N, C-alpha and C. Protein backbone atom coordinates (compact mmCIF):
# COMPACT_ATOMS: atom_id res chain seq x y z
N MET A 1 -76.91 -167.02 41.24
CA MET A 1 -76.14 -165.79 41.11
C MET A 1 -76.96 -164.83 40.38
N THR A 2 -77.23 -163.66 40.91
CA THR A 2 -77.97 -162.59 40.22
C THR A 2 -77.08 -161.86 39.30
N SER A 3 -77.64 -161.15 38.32
CA SER A 3 -76.93 -160.44 37.36
C SER A 3 -77.26 -158.97 37.46
N TYR A 4 -76.26 -158.08 37.39
CA TYR A 4 -76.42 -156.65 37.44
C TYR A 4 -75.70 -156.03 36.29
N ALA A 5 -76.49 -155.37 35.44
CA ALA A 5 -75.96 -154.62 34.20
C ALA A 5 -76.87 -153.45 34.03
N LEU A 6 -76.30 -152.26 34.01
CA LEU A 6 -77.11 -151.08 33.85
C LEU A 6 -76.43 -150.06 32.97
N VAL A 7 -77.21 -149.40 32.15
CA VAL A 7 -76.73 -148.28 31.39
C VAL A 7 -77.73 -147.10 31.79
N SER A 8 -77.11 -145.98 32.26
CA SER A 8 -78.00 -144.96 32.85
C SER A 8 -77.40 -143.58 32.58
N GLU A 9 -78.34 -142.58 32.46
CA GLU A 9 -77.89 -141.21 32.37
C GLU A 9 -77.70 -140.60 33.80
N GLN A 10 -78.06 -141.35 34.79
CA GLN A 10 -77.95 -140.89 36.20
C GLN A 10 -76.59 -141.30 36.76
N PRO A 11 -76.05 -140.56 37.77
CA PRO A 11 -74.85 -141.01 38.41
C PRO A 11 -75.00 -142.46 38.89
N LEU A 12 -73.90 -143.22 38.75
CA LEU A 12 -73.97 -144.63 39.09
C LEU A 12 -73.82 -144.92 40.59
N ASP A 13 -74.50 -145.93 41.02
CA ASP A 13 -74.54 -146.23 42.49
C ASP A 13 -73.51 -147.36 42.76
N GLU A 14 -72.36 -146.86 43.26
CA GLU A 14 -71.23 -147.79 43.61
C GLU A 14 -71.66 -148.86 44.58
N ALA A 15 -72.38 -148.49 45.58
CA ALA A 15 -72.81 -149.47 46.68
C ALA A 15 -73.71 -150.50 46.04
N ALA A 16 -74.59 -150.20 45.13
CA ALA A 16 -75.44 -151.21 44.55
C ALA A 16 -74.68 -152.20 43.74
N ILE A 17 -73.64 -151.75 43.08
CA ILE A 17 -72.83 -152.64 42.25
C ILE A 17 -72.03 -153.60 43.14
N ARG A 18 -71.51 -153.06 44.27
CA ARG A 18 -70.77 -153.84 45.16
C ARG A 18 -71.70 -154.90 45.81
N ARG A 19 -72.90 -154.49 46.23
CA ARG A 19 -73.87 -155.40 46.75
C ARG A 19 -74.21 -156.57 45.81
N ALA A 20 -74.22 -156.21 44.52
CA ALA A 20 -74.53 -157.23 43.52
C ALA A 20 -73.56 -158.40 43.41
N VAL A 21 -72.29 -158.15 43.88
CA VAL A 21 -71.27 -159.23 43.75
C VAL A 21 -70.89 -159.77 45.12
N GLU A 22 -71.19 -159.10 46.26
CA GLU A 22 -70.70 -159.62 47.51
C GLU A 22 -71.40 -160.96 47.86
N ALA A 23 -70.62 -161.82 48.53
CA ALA A 23 -71.10 -163.07 49.01
C ALA A 23 -70.30 -163.49 50.22
N ASP A 24 -70.89 -164.28 51.09
CA ASP A 24 -70.18 -164.73 52.25
C ASP A 24 -68.94 -165.57 51.93
N ALA A 25 -68.92 -166.20 50.78
CA ALA A 25 -67.81 -167.01 50.42
C ALA A 25 -66.68 -166.26 49.73
N SER A 26 -66.91 -164.98 49.54
CA SER A 26 -65.88 -164.15 48.85
C SER A 26 -64.96 -163.51 49.85
N GLY A 27 -63.69 -163.73 49.54
CA GLY A 27 -62.63 -163.11 50.33
C GLY A 27 -62.11 -161.87 49.69
N ALA A 28 -62.58 -161.60 48.43
CA ALA A 28 -62.10 -160.46 47.70
C ALA A 28 -63.29 -159.88 46.89
N VAL A 29 -63.43 -158.58 46.92
CA VAL A 29 -64.30 -157.83 46.00
C VAL A 29 -63.48 -156.80 45.30
N VAL A 30 -63.36 -156.87 43.99
CA VAL A 30 -62.57 -155.90 43.21
C VAL A 30 -63.53 -155.02 42.45
N MET A 31 -63.37 -153.72 42.60
CA MET A 31 -64.17 -152.75 41.88
C MET A 31 -63.21 -151.92 41.00
N PHE A 32 -63.70 -151.77 39.70
CA PHE A 32 -62.99 -150.88 38.80
C PHE A 32 -63.90 -149.68 38.63
N CYS A 33 -63.26 -148.50 38.68
CA CYS A 33 -63.97 -147.28 38.54
C CYS A 33 -63.33 -146.42 37.42
N GLY A 34 -63.99 -146.39 36.31
CA GLY A 34 -63.46 -145.63 35.14
C GLY A 34 -63.97 -144.14 35.28
N VAL A 35 -63.02 -143.28 35.41
CA VAL A 35 -63.29 -141.84 35.78
C VAL A 35 -62.87 -140.97 34.57
N VAL A 36 -63.68 -139.96 34.35
CA VAL A 36 -63.37 -139.00 33.28
C VAL A 36 -62.13 -138.16 33.74
N ARG A 37 -61.05 -138.24 32.88
CA ARG A 37 -59.82 -137.53 33.25
C ARG A 37 -59.74 -136.20 32.46
N ASP A 38 -58.82 -135.39 32.86
CA ASP A 38 -58.69 -134.04 32.26
C ASP A 38 -57.74 -133.95 31.05
N HIS A 39 -57.34 -135.11 30.53
CA HIS A 39 -56.44 -135.06 29.40
C HIS A 39 -56.60 -136.35 28.55
N ASP A 40 -56.08 -136.26 27.30
CA ASP A 40 -56.04 -137.42 26.46
C ASP A 40 -55.09 -137.15 25.33
N GLY A 41 -54.13 -137.98 25.05
CA GLY A 41 -53.21 -137.81 23.97
C GLY A 41 -52.47 -136.48 24.05
N GLY A 42 -52.17 -136.02 25.29
CA GLY A 42 -51.44 -134.72 25.45
C GLY A 42 -52.31 -133.48 25.36
N LYS A 43 -53.60 -133.67 25.12
CA LYS A 43 -54.49 -132.49 25.00
C LYS A 43 -55.39 -132.37 26.22
N PRO A 44 -55.58 -131.16 26.73
CA PRO A 44 -56.49 -130.97 27.87
C PRO A 44 -57.94 -131.25 27.48
N VAL A 45 -58.67 -132.06 28.28
CA VAL A 45 -60.08 -132.39 28.05
C VAL A 45 -60.91 -131.65 29.05
N ARG A 46 -62.03 -131.06 28.63
CA ARG A 46 -62.89 -130.31 29.60
C ARG A 46 -64.10 -131.13 29.93
N SER A 47 -64.55 -132.03 29.02
CA SER A 47 -65.72 -132.87 29.34
C SER A 47 -65.83 -134.00 28.27
N LEU A 48 -66.76 -134.90 28.53
CA LEU A 48 -67.04 -136.01 27.59
C LEU A 48 -68.53 -136.12 27.49
N ASP A 49 -68.97 -136.65 26.33
CA ASP A 49 -70.34 -137.15 26.30
C ASP A 49 -70.31 -138.56 25.72
N TYR A 50 -71.07 -139.40 26.35
CA TYR A 50 -71.23 -140.80 25.93
C TYR A 50 -72.62 -141.02 25.33
N ARG A 51 -72.65 -141.63 24.15
CA ARG A 51 -73.89 -141.97 23.58
C ARG A 51 -73.96 -143.48 23.38
N ALA A 52 -75.18 -144.06 23.53
CA ALA A 52 -75.29 -145.48 23.52
C ALA A 52 -76.36 -145.92 22.50
N HIS A 53 -76.13 -147.07 21.94
CA HIS A 53 -77.12 -147.75 21.08
C HIS A 53 -78.31 -148.04 21.99
N PRO A 54 -79.54 -148.04 21.43
CA PRO A 54 -80.76 -148.33 22.29
C PRO A 54 -80.67 -149.63 22.98
N GLU A 55 -79.92 -150.57 22.48
CA GLU A 55 -79.83 -151.91 23.15
C GLU A 55 -78.52 -152.09 23.89
N ALA A 56 -77.86 -151.04 24.23
CA ALA A 56 -76.55 -151.11 24.91
C ALA A 56 -76.63 -151.87 26.16
N GLU A 57 -77.77 -151.74 26.94
CA GLU A 57 -77.87 -152.43 28.22
C GLU A 57 -77.93 -153.91 28.06
N ARG A 58 -78.57 -154.37 26.96
CA ARG A 58 -78.65 -155.80 26.65
C ARG A 58 -77.20 -156.30 26.34
N PHE A 59 -76.47 -155.54 25.59
CA PHE A 59 -75.09 -155.94 25.28
C PHE A 59 -74.21 -155.98 26.52
N LEU A 60 -74.42 -155.02 27.46
CA LEU A 60 -73.73 -155.01 28.75
C LEU A 60 -74.09 -156.23 29.52
N ALA A 61 -75.36 -156.59 29.61
CA ALA A 61 -75.81 -157.79 30.31
C ALA A 61 -75.21 -159.09 29.73
N GLU A 62 -75.10 -159.14 28.40
CA GLU A 62 -74.43 -160.27 27.79
C GLU A 62 -72.96 -160.37 28.18
N CYS A 63 -72.29 -159.27 28.34
CA CYS A 63 -70.89 -159.29 28.73
C CYS A 63 -70.80 -159.81 30.21
N VAL A 64 -71.71 -159.30 31.02
CA VAL A 64 -71.68 -159.75 32.44
C VAL A 64 -72.00 -161.25 32.45
N ALA A 65 -72.92 -161.71 31.77
CA ALA A 65 -73.31 -163.13 31.72
C ALA A 65 -72.16 -164.03 31.22
N ARG A 66 -71.49 -163.51 30.19
CA ARG A 66 -70.38 -164.31 29.63
C ARG A 66 -69.25 -164.49 30.62
N ILE A 67 -68.88 -163.38 31.31
CA ILE A 67 -67.79 -163.50 32.30
C ILE A 67 -68.26 -164.37 33.46
N GLN A 68 -69.52 -164.29 33.86
CA GLN A 68 -70.01 -165.10 34.97
C GLN A 68 -69.93 -166.60 34.53
N ALA A 69 -70.32 -166.84 33.33
CA ALA A 69 -70.29 -168.26 32.88
C ALA A 69 -68.88 -168.81 32.71
N ASP A 70 -68.00 -167.95 32.21
CA ASP A 70 -66.57 -168.34 32.01
C ASP A 70 -65.85 -168.60 33.38
N THR A 71 -66.17 -167.78 34.33
CA THR A 71 -65.40 -167.82 35.61
C THR A 71 -66.17 -168.46 36.75
N GLY A 72 -67.49 -168.52 36.71
CA GLY A 72 -68.29 -169.03 37.85
C GLY A 72 -68.35 -168.02 38.94
N LEU A 73 -67.96 -166.81 38.73
CA LEU A 73 -67.88 -165.73 39.78
C LEU A 73 -69.00 -164.70 39.55
N ALA A 74 -69.35 -164.03 40.63
CA ALA A 74 -70.29 -162.92 40.58
C ALA A 74 -69.58 -161.69 39.97
N VAL A 75 -70.15 -161.15 38.94
CA VAL A 75 -69.65 -159.87 38.33
C VAL A 75 -70.78 -158.97 38.08
N ALA A 76 -70.53 -157.66 37.94
CA ALA A 76 -71.56 -156.65 37.73
C ALA A 76 -70.93 -155.48 36.99
N ALA A 77 -71.75 -154.74 36.29
CA ALA A 77 -71.22 -153.58 35.57
C ALA A 77 -72.34 -152.52 35.39
N ALA A 78 -71.92 -151.24 35.39
CA ALA A 78 -72.83 -150.17 35.09
C ALA A 78 -72.05 -149.14 34.29
N HIS A 79 -72.67 -148.62 33.27
CA HIS A 79 -72.04 -147.57 32.42
C HIS A 79 -72.96 -146.36 32.30
N ARG A 80 -72.35 -145.23 32.55
CA ARG A 80 -73.13 -143.98 32.47
C ARG A 80 -73.04 -143.42 31.04
N VAL A 81 -74.10 -142.80 30.58
CA VAL A 81 -74.14 -142.10 29.30
C VAL A 81 -74.61 -140.69 29.59
N GLY A 82 -74.47 -139.85 28.57
CA GLY A 82 -74.83 -138.47 28.62
C GLY A 82 -73.57 -137.57 28.81
N ASP A 83 -73.80 -136.38 29.30
CA ASP A 83 -72.71 -135.42 29.48
C ASP A 83 -72.04 -135.63 30.80
N LEU A 84 -70.73 -135.88 30.77
CA LEU A 84 -69.96 -136.12 31.98
C LEU A 84 -68.80 -135.11 32.09
N ARG A 85 -68.51 -134.74 33.34
CA ARG A 85 -67.48 -133.76 33.60
C ARG A 85 -66.25 -134.49 34.17
N ILE A 86 -65.19 -133.78 34.28
CA ILE A 86 -63.95 -134.33 34.85
C ILE A 86 -64.26 -134.83 36.28
N GLY A 87 -63.79 -136.05 36.52
CA GLY A 87 -64.03 -136.66 37.87
C GLY A 87 -65.31 -137.50 37.94
N ASP A 88 -66.18 -137.37 36.98
CA ASP A 88 -67.42 -138.23 37.00
C ASP A 88 -67.00 -139.69 36.68
N VAL A 89 -67.76 -140.61 37.26
CA VAL A 89 -67.60 -141.99 36.98
C VAL A 89 -68.38 -142.44 35.69
N ALA A 90 -67.70 -142.94 34.75
CA ALA A 90 -68.29 -143.45 33.49
C ALA A 90 -68.63 -144.92 33.56
N LEU A 91 -67.82 -145.70 34.25
CA LEU A 91 -67.96 -147.12 34.30
C LEU A 91 -67.61 -147.70 35.67
N PHE A 92 -68.45 -148.52 36.18
CA PHE A 92 -68.10 -149.34 37.31
C PHE A 92 -68.21 -150.83 36.85
N ALA A 93 -67.18 -151.60 37.22
CA ALA A 93 -67.22 -153.05 37.02
C ALA A 93 -66.77 -153.66 38.33
N ALA A 94 -67.37 -154.79 38.66
CA ALA A 94 -67.02 -155.43 39.94
C ALA A 94 -67.02 -156.97 39.79
N ALA A 95 -66.18 -157.58 40.63
CA ALA A 95 -66.15 -158.99 40.69
C ALA A 95 -65.81 -159.42 42.11
N SER A 96 -66.33 -160.60 42.52
CA SER A 96 -65.94 -161.11 43.82
C SER A 96 -65.54 -162.61 43.63
N ALA A 97 -64.67 -163.00 44.50
CA ALA A 97 -64.13 -164.36 44.43
C ALA A 97 -63.60 -164.76 45.76
N PRO A 98 -63.31 -166.04 45.97
CA PRO A 98 -62.66 -166.46 47.22
C PRO A 98 -61.33 -165.83 47.42
N HIS A 99 -60.60 -165.58 46.34
CA HIS A 99 -59.24 -165.03 46.41
C HIS A 99 -59.08 -163.82 45.45
N ARG A 100 -58.17 -162.94 45.81
CA ARG A 100 -58.07 -161.70 45.03
C ARG A 100 -57.59 -161.87 43.62
N ALA A 101 -56.74 -162.81 43.32
CA ALA A 101 -56.27 -162.91 41.93
C ALA A 101 -57.40 -163.28 41.00
N GLU A 102 -58.28 -164.14 41.46
CA GLU A 102 -59.50 -164.48 40.57
C GLU A 102 -60.37 -163.27 40.37
N ALA A 103 -60.57 -162.53 41.45
CA ALA A 103 -61.45 -161.33 41.35
C ALA A 103 -60.86 -160.28 40.46
N PHE A 104 -59.57 -160.00 40.61
CA PHE A 104 -58.89 -159.03 39.70
C PHE A 104 -58.94 -159.47 38.28
N ASP A 105 -58.67 -160.76 38.03
CA ASP A 105 -58.74 -161.28 36.66
C ASP A 105 -60.13 -161.14 36.04
N ALA A 106 -61.14 -161.53 36.78
CA ALA A 106 -62.54 -161.48 36.28
C ALA A 106 -62.92 -160.05 35.96
N CYS A 107 -62.56 -159.13 36.86
CA CYS A 107 -62.96 -157.70 36.68
C CYS A 107 -62.20 -157.19 35.47
N GLU A 108 -60.93 -157.43 35.34
CA GLU A 108 -60.25 -156.94 34.10
C GLU A 108 -60.82 -157.55 32.82
N ARG A 109 -61.15 -158.78 32.82
CA ARG A 109 -61.77 -159.41 31.65
C ARG A 109 -63.08 -158.78 31.30
N LEU A 110 -63.88 -158.48 32.40
CA LEU A 110 -65.12 -157.82 32.13
C LEU A 110 -64.96 -156.45 31.50
N VAL A 111 -64.05 -155.65 32.04
CA VAL A 111 -63.83 -154.32 31.44
C VAL A 111 -63.39 -154.41 30.04
N GLU A 112 -62.47 -155.25 29.74
CA GLU A 112 -62.01 -155.39 28.33
C GLU A 112 -63.14 -155.82 27.42
N LEU A 113 -63.96 -156.75 27.86
CA LEU A 113 -65.03 -157.20 27.06
C LEU A 113 -66.10 -156.11 26.80
N ILE A 114 -66.37 -155.31 27.85
CA ILE A 114 -67.26 -154.19 27.69
C ILE A 114 -66.75 -153.21 26.63
N LYS A 115 -65.49 -152.86 26.76
CA LYS A 115 -64.88 -151.91 25.83
C LYS A 115 -64.99 -152.41 24.38
N ARG A 116 -64.89 -153.74 24.20
CA ARG A 116 -64.90 -154.31 22.80
C ARG A 116 -66.34 -154.51 22.32
N GLU A 117 -67.29 -154.85 23.20
CA GLU A 117 -68.59 -155.34 22.70
C GLU A 117 -69.77 -154.42 22.93
N VAL A 118 -69.66 -153.48 23.83
CA VAL A 118 -70.88 -152.68 24.18
C VAL A 118 -70.87 -151.42 23.28
N PRO A 119 -71.98 -151.20 22.54
CA PRO A 119 -72.02 -150.05 21.64
C PRO A 119 -72.34 -148.71 22.39
N ILE A 120 -71.28 -148.25 22.99
CA ILE A 120 -71.30 -146.90 23.63
C ILE A 120 -70.14 -146.17 23.11
N TRP A 121 -70.43 -144.91 22.66
CA TRP A 121 -69.37 -144.14 21.98
C TRP A 121 -69.06 -142.85 22.80
N LYS A 122 -67.83 -142.42 22.80
CA LYS A 122 -67.30 -141.33 23.58
C LYS A 122 -66.90 -140.17 22.65
N ARG A 123 -67.40 -138.95 22.98
CA ARG A 123 -66.98 -137.79 22.32
C ARG A 123 -66.30 -136.87 23.34
N GLN A 124 -65.02 -136.49 23.04
CA GLN A 124 -64.24 -135.69 23.95
C GLN A 124 -64.32 -134.21 23.52
N HIS A 125 -64.55 -133.34 24.46
CA HIS A 125 -64.50 -131.91 24.24
C HIS A 125 -63.25 -131.34 24.90
N TYR A 126 -62.43 -130.76 24.06
CA TYR A 126 -61.08 -130.25 24.53
C TYR A 126 -61.19 -128.80 24.92
N ASP A 127 -60.18 -128.36 25.72
CA ASP A 127 -60.18 -126.96 26.17
C ASP A 127 -60.11 -125.97 24.99
N ASP A 128 -59.54 -126.33 23.86
CA ASP A 128 -59.45 -125.39 22.78
C ASP A 128 -60.76 -125.28 21.94
N GLY A 129 -61.78 -125.93 22.36
CA GLY A 129 -63.05 -125.87 21.74
C GLY A 129 -63.35 -126.94 20.69
N VAL A 130 -62.31 -127.74 20.40
CA VAL A 130 -62.45 -128.82 19.40
C VAL A 130 -63.10 -129.99 20.08
N SER A 131 -63.91 -130.74 19.35
CA SER A 131 -64.45 -132.02 19.86
C SER A 131 -64.23 -133.08 18.90
N GLU A 132 -64.08 -134.33 19.38
CA GLU A 132 -63.86 -135.52 18.50
C GLU A 132 -64.45 -136.70 19.12
N TRP A 133 -64.95 -137.64 18.21
CA TRP A 133 -65.37 -138.96 18.69
C TRP A 133 -64.20 -139.82 18.81
N VAL A 134 -64.17 -140.63 19.85
CA VAL A 134 -62.98 -141.50 20.08
C VAL A 134 -63.39 -142.98 19.94
N GLY A 135 -62.55 -143.65 19.20
CA GLY A 135 -62.77 -145.11 19.03
C GLY A 135 -63.84 -145.50 18.05
N LEU A 136 -64.23 -144.65 17.15
CA LEU A 136 -65.27 -145.05 16.20
C LEU A 136 -64.67 -145.83 15.06
């Protein structure tokens, strides 16, 4: 089973992530797409910027490897950093399994682990000109 974990300033390649988890034995491929939304906490958001620790990709790869080891399933993830606009994809996570319940569970576990373990920080820029770091 190959491993796919990427942190990039470039737009993420959804097809590459899907290819990383697809297998003939899989009856389900689940993809999570984390998209920049136009609001948070009741305030209008105009953009985000994500900043990453220099070893963030290593941390992301460790998350992928841990979920693969725990589940025996193919999983993959990619996180974008830099300046993102409303509608841009910030995170793709994927899992494949013989059945959908396993794939959904593995994908959700992967996303939660990434949010807890990978040192990537988000700064929100609001319509009123105020900016704030989230989750520090």
